[in-house]
């Protein structure tokens, strides 16, 4: 049985880890390198690093900080933000990333997914999808959630799988930072719509929310930020609880 993964997320802006609610009201959450080291030492399965303002500011991901984090940790490391070319990915992999996450650039140029999967392998390519409900329908949003599209979440998920993505990181903008639980209904639909792993993101507040994401949402991994950054939930405690609930995790 494949184990369920617990993944802390470092949202980076101006060189610091930040966290908001519904993609707004960002507050400082600490030094990215120090947080990454803590997570690597306390049982995280993977780490995600998202340079959340790179696309909006029209620049590339912070490669020096990626290298500093990579040198500190010994767990798989996914990096996203401002990635739009094969060269961008090559640079990040050379700086220690294990996987890359593409979002806005993939929507604007879907062939990018094909190119990256062919060049680096599907296992290296994560497509991040930020979506929120509009009139009852899940619609994809770009540029850190600031730009709405008319693209359906589930249609886009199927397309990115067909184009070679190895994994989908789905963030519910409606649930982000609320600590009221993940979007389990949408997660379950996503998980049955595609055959690649789904990472749940947006809404973690309590230990039981992770259990719900795995059981009700059928997610393969659960990502969270503030509950880990501010030590409201310790990863070791979380995993022990999940194990007691008969959910397969790596201890």
Protein backbone atom coordinates (compact mmCIF):
# COMPACT_ATOMS: atom_id res chain seq x y z
CA UNK A 1 0.00 0.00 0.00
CA UNK A 2 1.29 3.44 -0.92
CA UNK A 3 1.74 5.67 2.11
CA UNK A 4 -0.04 9.01 2.35
CA UNK A 5 2.33 11.97 2.33
CA UNK A 6 2.43 15.01 4.61
CA UNK A 7 3.91 18.05 2.87
CA UNK A 8 4.66 21.44 4.45
CA UNK A 9 4.56 24.34 2.01
CA UNK A 10 6.80 27.39 2.04
CA UNK A 11 5.10 30.32 0.27
CA UNK A 12 7.91 32.78 -0.37
CA UNK A 13 7.64 36.55 -0.88
CA UNK A 14 10.53 39.02 -0.57
CA UNK A 15 12.76 36.25 0.75
CA UNK A 16 10.48 35.32 3.66
CA UNK A 17 7.91 32.61 4.29
CA UNK A 18 4.40 34.13 4.32
CA UNK A 19 0.85 32.91 4.87
CA UNK A 20 -2.54 34.48 4.24
CA UNK A 21 -6.22 33.60 4.08
CA UNK A 22 -7.94 33.03 0.73
CA UNK A 23 -4.67 34.17 -0.91
CA UNK A 24 -4.86 37.59 0.83
CA UNK A 25 -3.58 39.31 3.98
CA UNK A 26 -0.09 37.80 3.99
CA UNK A 27 1.84 37.69 7.27
CA UNK A 28 5.41 36.70 8.00
CA UNK A 29 5.94 33.08 9.02
CA UNK A 30 9.71 32.90 9.31
CA UNK A 31 12.97 32.13 7.53
CA UNK A 32 12.50 29.60 4.70
CA UNK A 33 15.81 27.80 5.25
CA UNK A 34 15.26 27.40 9.01
CA UNK A 35 11.71 26.14 8.47
CA UNK A 36 12.84 23.72 5.78
CA UNK A 37 15.49 22.29 8.11
CA UNK A 38 12.92 21.83 10.88
CA UNK A 39 10.51 20.01 8.59
CA UNK A 40 13.20 17.74 7.21
CA UNK A 41 14.18 16.77 10.76
CA UNK A 42 10.65 16.31 12.14
CA UNK A 43 9.13 13.84 9.71
CA UNK A 44 7.84 15.70 6.65
CA UNK A 45 7.69 13.44 3.60
CA UNK A 46 8.35 16.20 1.10
CA UNK A 47 8.65 19.97 0.95
CA UNK A 48 7.06 22.42 -1.48
CA UNK A 49 8.61 25.84 -2.10
CA UNK A 50 6.44 28.34 -4.00
CA UNK A 51 7.81 31.74 -4.98
CA UNK A 52 4.30 33.22 -4.96
CA UNK A 53 5.12 36.64 -6.42
CA UNK A 54 7.49 35.55 -9.21
CA UNK A 55 4.81 35.32 -11.92
CA UNK A 56 3.10 38.56 -10.92
CA UNK A 57 6.45 40.37 -10.83
CA UNK A 58 7.56 38.81 -14.12
CA UNK A 59 10.76 37.28 -12.76
CA UNK A 60 12.31 33.89 -12.26
CA UNK A 61 12.26 31.77 -9.09
CA UNK A 62 14.78 32.61 -6.36
CA UNK A 63 17.44 30.08 -7.37
CA UNK A 64 19.94 30.98 -4.62
CA UNK A 65 17.34 30.38 -1.93
CA UNK A 66 16.34 27.11 -3.61
CA UNK A 67 19.96 26.00 -3.37
CA UNK A 68 20.19 27.05 0.29
CA UNK A 69 17.08 25.03 1.13
CA UNK A 70 18.20 22.00 -0.89
CA UNK A 71 21.53 21.91 0.94
CA UNK A 72 19.69 21.86 4.28
CA UNK A 73 17.17 19.05 3.73
CA UNK A 74 17.17 15.35 2.85
CA UNK A 75 13.58 14.93 1.62
CA UNK A 76 12.09 15.40 -1.87
CA UNK A 77 11.76 19.06 -2.77
CA UNK A 78 9.30 20.64 -5.23
CA UNK A 79 9.82 24.22 -6.44
CA UNK A 80 7.35 26.50 -8.22
CA UNK A 81 6.87 30.11 -9.18
CA UNK A 82 7.81 31.92 -12.40
CA UNK A 83 8.68 28.74 -14.31
CA UNK A 84 7.92 29.02 -18.02
CA UNK A 85 10.74 27.33 -19.96
CA UNK A 86 12.83 24.16 -20.13
CA UNK A 87 15.81 26.30 -19.11
CA UNK A 88 14.05 27.43 -15.94
CA UNK A 89 13.51 23.82 -14.91
CA UNK A 90 17.10 22.82 -15.72
CA UNK A 91 18.38 25.62 -13.51
CA UNK A 92 16.15 24.65 -10.57
CA UNK A 93 17.05 20.97 -10.82
CA UNK A 94 20.73 21.91 -10.90
CA UNK A 95 20.12 23.94 -7.74
CA UNK A 96 18.69 20.96 -5.88
CA UNK A 97 14.99 20.74 -6.71
CA UNK A 98 13.65 17.21 -7.24
CA UNK A 99 10.41 18.31 -8.90
CA UNK A 100 9.00 21.52 -10.33
CA UNK A 101 5.51 22.95 -10.11
CA UNK A 102 3.99 24.91 -12.99
CA UNK A 103 0.71 26.79 -12.81
CA UNK A 104 -0.07 29.97 -14.77
CA UNK A 105 2.52 29.25 -17.46
CA UNK A 106 0.97 25.84 -18.13
CA UNK A 107 -2.51 27.32 -18.61
CA UNK A 108 -1.19 29.98 -20.95
CA UNK A 109 0.96 27.47 -22.86
CA UNK A 110 -0.32 23.91 -22.29
CA UNK A 111 2.39 22.49 -24.57
CA UNK A 112 4.87 23.44 -21.87
CA UNK A 113 3.67 20.41 -19.89
CA UNK A 114 4.41 18.12 -22.84
CA UNK A 115 7.86 19.67 -23.31
CA UNK A 116 8.82 19.38 -19.66
CA UNK A 117 7.51 15.82 -19.30
CA UNK A 118 9.42 14.73 -22.41
CA UNK A 119 12.64 16.42 -21.31
CA UNK A 120 12.66 15.62 -17.58
CA UNK A 121 10.10 12.81 -17.12
CA UNK A 122 6.54 12.98 -15.78
CA UNK A 123 7.70 12.13 -12.25
CA UNK A 124 9.40 15.54 -12.16
CA UNK A 125 6.41 17.62 -13.27
CA UNK A 126 3.73 18.82 -10.86
CA UNK A 127 0.91 20.98 -12.19
CA UNK A 128 -0.49 23.27 -9.52
CA UNK A 129 -4.13 24.27 -9.95
CA UNK A 130 -5.66 27.10 -7.92
CA UNK A 131 -9.44 27.09 -8.19
CA UNK A 132 -12.51 28.52 -6.52
CA UNK A 133 -16.23 28.00 -6.89
CA UNK A 134 -18.09 30.52 -9.03
CA UNK A 135 -21.84 29.94 -9.35
CA UNK A 136 -21.29 26.40 -8.10
CA UNK A 137 -18.58 25.56 -10.65
CA UNK A 138 -14.88 25.16 -9.88
CA UNK A 139 -12.93 27.63 -12.04
CA UNK A 140 -9.15 27.80 -12.46
CA UNK A 141 -7.40 31.02 -11.36
CA UNK A 142 -3.95 32.29 -12.35
CA UNK A 143 -1.21 34.63 -11.09
CA UNK A 144 -1.50 33.69 -7.44
CA UNK A 145 -5.29 33.57 -7.63
CA UNK A 146 -5.60 37.12 -8.94
CA UNK A 147 -6.75 36.29 -12.48
CA UNK A 148 -9.97 34.34 -13.04
CA UNK A 149 -10.47 32.09 -16.06
CA UNK A 150 -13.46 30.20 -17.41
CA UNK A 151 -11.51 26.93 -17.34
CA UNK A 152 -13.16 24.07 -15.48
CA UNK A 153 -11.00 22.49 -12.77
CA UNK A 154 -11.82 18.90 -13.71
CA UNK A 155 -11.42 19.40 -17.46
CA UNK A 156 -8.03 21.02 -16.91
CA UNK A 157 -6.92 18.23 -14.57
CA UNK A 158 -7.69 15.62 -17.22
CA UNK A 159 -5.81 17.62 -19.84
CA UNK A 160 -2.67 18.05 -17.75
CA UNK A 161 -2.61 14.31 -17.08
CA UNK A 162 -2.90 13.60 -20.80
CA UNK A 163 -0.07 16.05 -21.49
CA UNK A 164 2.29 14.23 -19.14
CA UNK A 165 2.00 15.77 -15.67
CA UNK A 166 3.00 13.33 -12.96
CA UNK A 167 1.05 14.92 -10.13
CA UNK A 168 -1.55 17.63 -9.43
CA UNK A 169 -1.37 20.08 -6.54
CA UNK A 170 -4.95 21.32 -6.08
CA UNK A 171 -5.50 24.36 -3.87
CA UNK A 172 -9.04 25.40 -3.03
CA UNK A 173 -8.92 29.19 -2.83
CA UNK A 174 -12.20 29.11 -0.91
CA UNK A 175 -10.61 26.98 1.82
CA UNK A 176 -7.08 28.44 1.83
CA UNK A 177 -6.03 29.62 5.29
CA UNK A 178 -9.50 29.13 6.80
CA UNK A 179 -8.48 26.07 8.87
CA UNK A 180 -11.97 24.63 8.34
CA UNK A 181 -10.89 21.54 6.41
CA UNK A 182 -10.01 20.64 2.83
CA UNK A 183 -12.36 20.73 -0.18
CA UNK A 184 -13.03 17.01 0.14
CA UNK A 185 -15.92 16.78 -2.31
CA UNK A 186 -13.86 18.39 -5.08
CA UNK A 187 -10.82 16.32 -4.08
CA UNK A 188 -12.77 13.08 -4.35
CA UNK A 189 -14.07 14.04 -7.78
CA UNK A 190 -10.55 14.96 -8.90
CA UNK A 191 -9.11 11.71 -7.57
CA UNK A 192 -11.62 9.66 -9.55
CA UNK A 193 -11.24 11.83 -12.68
CA UNK A 194 -7.51 11.24 -13.14
CA UNK A 195 -5.01 8.46 -12.51
CA UNK A 196 -2.13 10.55 -11.19
CA UNK A 197 -1.60 11.51 -7.52
CA UNK A 198 -3.52 14.46 -6.09
CA UNK A 199 -2.03 16.70 -3.40
CA UNK A 200 -4.72 18.40 -1.30
CA UNK A 201 -4.07 22.02 -0.35
CA UNK A 202 -6.10 24.69 1.41
CA UNK A 203 -7.97 24.44 4.70
CA UNK A 204 -5.90 22.37 7.14
CA UNK A 205 -6.61 23.40 10.71
CA UNK A 206 -7.01 20.25 12.79
CA UNK A 207 -5.47 16.79 12.71
CA UNK A 208 -8.79 15.24 11.66
CA UNK A 209 -8.83 17.44 8.54
CA UNK A 210 -5.90 15.45 7.18
CA UNK A 211 -7.69 12.18 7.87
CA UNK A 212 -10.78 13.51 6.09
CA UNK A 213 -8.70 14.55 3.06
CA UNK A 214 -7.29 11.03 2.77
CA UNK A 215 -10.52 9.12 3.42
CA UNK A 216 -13.30 11.39 2.11
CA UNK A 217 -11.18 13.32 -0.40
CA UNK A 218 -9.18 10.27 -1.55
CA UNK A 219 -6.09 12.49 -1.72
CA UNK A 220 -2.64 10.95 -2.05
CA UNK A 221 -0.93 13.72 -0.09
CA UNK A 222 -1.95 16.66 2.07
CA UNK A 223 -0.16 19.98 2.06
CA UNK A 224 -0.37 22.64 4.76
CA UNK A 225 1.44 25.77 5.81
CA UNK A 226 0.40 27.88 8.80
CA UNK A 227 -0.52 24.98 11.12
CA UNK A 228 3.04 23.72 10.68
CA UNK A 229 4.83 27.10 10.55
CA UNK A 230 3.28 28.29 13.81
CA UNK A 231 3.56 24.84 15.44
CA UNK A 232 -0.18 24.39 15.92
CA UNK A 233 0.24 20.82 14.65
CA UNK A 234 3.46 18.83 14.98
CA UNK A 235 4.10 16.48 12.07
CA UNK A 236 5.15 13.65 14.37
CA UNK A 237 1.88 13.91 16.34
CA UNK A 238 -0.12 14.15 13.12
CA UNK A 239 1.42 11.00 11.66
CA UNK A 240 0.99 9.01 14.84
CA UNK A 241 -2.68 9.98 14.94
CA UNK A 242 -3.15 8.99 11.29
CA UNK A 243 -1.45 5.66 11.93
CA UNK A 244 -3.86 5.01 14.81
CA UNK A 245 -6.69 5.71 12.34
CA UNK A 246 -5.23 2.95 10.09
CA UNK A 247 -4.01 5.38 7.47
CA UNK A 248 -0.67 4.31 6.00
CA UNK A 249 2.00 6.92 6.69
CA UNK A 250 5.77 6.84 6.94
CA UNK A 251 6.87 7.22 10.58
